[in-house]
Amino acid sequence: MYGYIKGIVTEIGSNYIVLENNNIGYSVFVSNPYMYKLNEDATVYLYNQVREDEYSLYGFKTKEEKELFLRLLNVKGLGPKMAMPMFATGSVNGIIDAIDRENILYLTKFPKIGEKIARQIILDLKGKLTTSDNVNGNDYMELISVLENLGYKQPDIKRILKSINMNDSIEIQVKEALKQLLK
């Protein structure tokens, strides 16, 4: 699995860019290729999908977009080609807010997202996502993920996050969080 790639944008298509790195051109599907400029350096966070008949790279401007994309892929009936256009006109915080508020109208404005898929997105992801606007945002994503995998619920995790020192290692953060959760 690729994390990201840095390179020079050598081509811009309708739904992809070609990013050259070490004399190799990587064709990467992006939500809005026109936010990139030809012959400029770019860092693109990648998701690679391998299927029987397809090997595709999907690219994102930020780690947050990539993380939300990966969460969306876990929704029943929602694939990469349906999830990708959501990032062309929607922001990460806007999408998360729409899911948490059960705003079906907002979600159905995206291409290929009908009411059935919008309801499935809400059912599968409501309360499981965080925005970068609040204290339990991106700095805490790894810690939140670990605690969720241990079986703790979002409201309980959110309650104790303010007391965790983010300068500590993840191991120390988990130990401190578990102490707080067991009180």
Protein backbone atom coordinates (compact mmCIF):
# COMPACT_ATOMS: atom_id res chain seq x y z
CA MET A 1 0.00 0.00 0.00
CA TYR A 2 1.29 3.44 -0.90
CA GLY A 3 1.12 6.31 1.59
CA TYR A 4 1.87 9.23 -0.67
CA ILE A 5 3.93 10.25 -3.67
CA LYS A 6 5.76 13.48 -4.41
CA GLY A 7 6.42 14.45 -7.97
CA ILE A 8 5.79 16.81 -10.85
CA VAL A 9 2.36 17.03 -12.47
CA THR A 10 2.96 16.29 -16.15
CA GLU A 11 -0.61 15.79 -17.36
CA ILE A 12 -4.10 16.79 -16.26
CA GLY A 13 -7.13 14.85 -17.49
CA SER A 14 -10.83 15.07 -16.75
CA ASN A 15 -10.62 12.88 -13.63
CA TYR A 16 -6.90 12.13 -13.22
CA ILE A 17 -3.42 13.58 -13.15
CA VAL A 18 -0.12 12.05 -14.15
CA LEU A 19 2.51 12.54 -11.48
CA GLU A 20 6.12 11.94 -12.48
CA ASN A 21 8.46 10.59 -9.83
CA ASN A 22 11.94 9.22 -10.68
CA ASN A 23 11.12 9.19 -14.40
CA ILE A 24 7.97 7.13 -13.87
CA GLY A 25 4.55 8.65 -14.60
CA TYR A 26 1.83 7.55 -12.20
CA SER A 27 -1.75 8.00 -13.40
CA VAL A 28 -3.76 8.94 -10.32
CA PHE A 29 -7.54 9.42 -10.15
CA VAL A 30 -8.34 12.63 -8.24
CA SER A 31 -11.61 14.33 -7.34
CA ASN A 32 -10.68 17.68 -8.90
CA PRO A 33 -7.66 17.51 -11.23
CA TYR A 34 -7.84 21.24 -11.94
CA MET A 35 -6.63 22.10 -8.43
CA TYR A 36 -3.20 20.91 -9.63
CA LYS A 37 -1.00 22.89 -12.00
CA LEU A 38 1.15 21.50 -14.80
CA ASN A 39 4.89 21.24 -14.13
CA GLU A 40 4.52 21.97 -10.42
CA ASP A 41 5.60 19.78 -7.53
CA ALA A 42 2.74 18.08 -5.74
CA THR A 43 2.29 15.67 -2.87
CA VAL A 44 -0.61 13.29 -3.34
CA TYR A 45 -1.81 10.89 -0.62
CA LEU A 46 -2.63 7.58 -2.29
CA TYR A 47 -5.03 4.70 -2.04
CA ASN A 48 -4.29 1.83 -4.40
CA GLN A 49 -7.06 -0.54 -5.37
CA VAL A 50 -6.15 -3.94 -6.74
CA ARG A 51 -8.86 -6.01 -8.40
CA GLU A 52 -8.72 -8.98 -10.75
CA ASP A 53 -8.87 -6.77 -13.82
CA GLU A 54 -7.81 -3.39 -12.45
CA TYR A 55 -4.98 -1.67 -10.62
CA SER A 56 -5.92 1.93 -9.78
CA LEU A 57 -4.45 4.76 -7.76
CA TYR A 58 -6.73 7.31 -6.09
CA GLY A 59 -5.15 10.53 -4.87
CA PHE A 60 -5.99 13.13 -2.24
CA LYS A 61 -4.61 16.56 -1.30
CA THR A 62 -4.69 15.83 2.45
CA LYS A 63 -4.42 12.86 4.81
CA GLU A 64 -7.84 13.75 6.20
CA GLU A 65 -9.46 13.31 2.77
CA LYS A 66 -7.77 9.95 2.36
CA GLU A 67 -8.86 8.78 5.84
CA LEU A 68 -12.49 9.77 5.20
CA PHE A 69 -12.35 8.09 1.77
CA LEU A 70 -11.16 4.85 3.39
CA ARG A 71 -14.02 5.01 5.90
CA LEU A 72 -16.51 5.62 3.07
CA LEU A 73 -15.24 2.53 1.25
CA ASN A 74 -16.44 0.43 4.19
CA VAL A 75 -20.03 1.50 3.50
CA LYS A 76 -22.06 -1.27 1.86
CA GLY A 77 -22.65 -0.45 -1.81
CA LEU A 78 -20.20 2.46 -2.00
CA GLY A 79 -17.09 1.99 -4.12
CA PRO A 80 -14.17 4.27 -4.94
CA LYS A 81 -15.71 5.64 -8.13
CA MET A 82 -18.83 6.68 -6.20
CA ALA A 83 -16.95 8.09 -3.20
CA MET A 84 -14.34 10.05 -5.15
CA PRO A 85 -16.67 12.77 -6.55
CA MET A 86 -17.76 13.64 -3.01
CA PHE A 87 -14.41 15.36 -2.49
CA ALA A 88 -14.71 17.52 -5.63
CA THR A 89 -17.38 19.76 -4.12
CA GLY A 90 -17.61 18.66 -0.50
CA SER A 91 -15.14 19.33 2.30
CA VAL A 92 -14.12 16.69 4.82
CA ASN A 93 -15.78 18.62 7.65
CA GLY A 94 -18.92 19.20 5.56
CA ILE A 95 -19.30 15.52 4.72
CA ILE A 96 -18.73 14.44 8.32
CA ASP A 97 -21.18 17.06 9.57
CA ALA A 98 -23.82 15.90 7.06
CA ILE A 99 -23.38 12.30 8.22
CA ASP A 100 -23.62 13.19 11.91
CA ARG A 101 -26.69 15.41 11.34
CA GLU A 102 -28.30 12.82 9.04
CA ASN A 103 -28.47 15.41 6.24
CA ILE A 104 -29.57 13.20 3.34
CA LEU A 105 -30.16 16.23 1.10
CA TYR A 106 -26.48 17.24 1.37
CA LEU A 107 -25.24 13.72 0.63
CA THR A 108 -27.54 13.20 -2.37
CA LYS A 109 -26.19 16.33 -4.08
CA PHE A 110 -23.08 14.32 -5.00
CA PRO A 111 -23.10 12.45 -8.33
CA LYS A 112 -24.14 8.78 -8.12
CA ILE A 113 -25.23 9.12 -4.46
CA GLY A 114 -28.92 8.41 -4.20
CA GLU A 115 -31.13 8.37 -1.14
CA LYS A 116 -30.53 4.66 -0.50
CA ILE A 117 -26.73 5.03 -0.47
CA ALA A 118 -26.97 8.26 1.58
CA ARG A 119 -29.01 6.42 4.23
CA GLN A 120 -26.49 3.57 4.22
CA ILE A 121 -23.60 6.05 4.70
CA ILE A 122 -25.39 7.57 7.69
CA LEU A 123 -26.25 4.16 9.13
CA ASP A 124 -22.67 2.89 8.84
CA LEU A 125 -20.71 6.03 9.81
CA LYS A 126 -22.82 8.27 12.05
CA GLY A 127 -20.93 9.01 15.26
CA LYS A 128 -17.81 7.19 14.10
CA LEU A 129 -16.06 10.12 12.41
CA THR A 130 -14.35 13.18 13.81
CA THR A 131 -13.67 16.61 12.35
CA SER A 132 -10.44 18.56 12.52
CA ASP A 133 -12.37 21.49 14.03
CA ASN A 134 -12.54 19.99 17.48
CA VAL A 135 -10.20 18.55 20.06
CA ASN A 136 -10.74 14.96 18.96
CA GLY A 137 -9.64 15.69 15.42
CA ASN A 138 -6.75 14.45 13.34
CA ASP A 139 -4.11 14.54 16.09
CA TYR A 140 -6.14 11.93 17.95
CA MET A 141 -7.10 9.70 15.00
CA GLU A 142 -4.65 6.92 15.84
CA LEU A 143 -5.61 6.94 19.52
CA ILE A 144 -9.33 6.96 18.70
CA SER A 145 -8.85 4.06 16.29
CA VAL A 146 -6.99 1.99 18.92
CA LEU A 147 -9.65 2.65 21.57
CA GLU A 148 -12.50 1.83 19.15
CA ASN A 149 -10.77 -1.44 18.28
CA LEU A 150 -10.65 -2.21 22.01
CA GLY A 151 -14.43 -1.84 22.11
CA TYR A 152 -14.87 1.64 23.58
CA LYS A 153 -17.66 3.88 22.25
CA GLN A 154 -17.18 7.34 20.66
CA PRO A 155 -18.91 9.34 23.46
CA ASP A 156 -16.69 7.74 26.12
CA ILE A 157 -13.57 8.34 24.04
CA LYS A 158 -14.47 11.99 23.35
CA ARG A 159 -14.99 12.55 27.08
CA ILE A 160 -11.39 11.71 28.00
CA LEU A 161 -9.44 13.09 25.01
CA LYS A 162 -8.81 16.52 26.54
CA SER A 163 -6.83 14.91 29.35
CA ILE A 164 -4.42 13.07 27.02
CA ASN A 165 -1.01 14.61 26.28
CA MET A 166 -0.47 14.43 22.51
CA ASN A 167 3.31 14.86 22.93
CA ASP A 168 3.54 11.40 24.48
CA SER A 169 4.07 8.26 22.41
CA ILE A 170 0.98 6.35 21.29
CA GLU A 171 1.69 3.64 23.87
CA ILE A 172 1.65 6.17 26.72
CA GLN A 173 -1.47 7.83 25.26
CA VAL A 174 -3.29 4.48 25.19
CA LYS A 175 -2.26 3.66 28.78
CA GLU A 176 -3.44 7.08 29.99
CA ALA A 177 -6.69 6.79 28.03
CA LEU A 178 -7.41 3.36 29.49
CA LYS A 179 -6.82 4.70 33.01
CA GLN A 180 -9.27 7.52 32.33
CA LEU A 181 -11.86 5.21 30.77
CA LEU A 182 -11.74 2.76 33.68
CA LYS A 183 -12.49 5.46 36.28
